[in-house]
Amino acid sequence: MSTVFVVRNQDGYFATKQKEWECGREPKLLFRSLHKDEALNIVFELSSKDIYLRAEAISVELDEKKQPVIEVTAPPKAKPEEVSVTEKENVTPAEAGV
């Protein structure tokens, strides 16, 4: 098996090819590079936008489909349409009937 570098943040999310953070349940979406310096450049780019970001470039194996084999530890992020009624309308839970 060969190895690649992926970028993981302090919360366990992985950088995608679009430079967004995902939980890693879909490895085909993840950024990956054969070279560590390219992965470190992504860390630098992302951390320049977010001063609280603590990310690292880690080496991982590839599976038979050439996808990175990672340990998923972060929960999936909520999609924008899954925002609760209280968050949408800025009402209290009692007013929303929750």
Foldseek 3Di string as FASTA:
>chain_A
DAKKKWKAWPQCWTQFPVRDTWQCPPQVRTDIGRDQVVNVVSVVVNCVVPVPIDMHIDMADADPVRGGDDDRDHDGDDDPVPDDPCVVVVDDCVVVVD
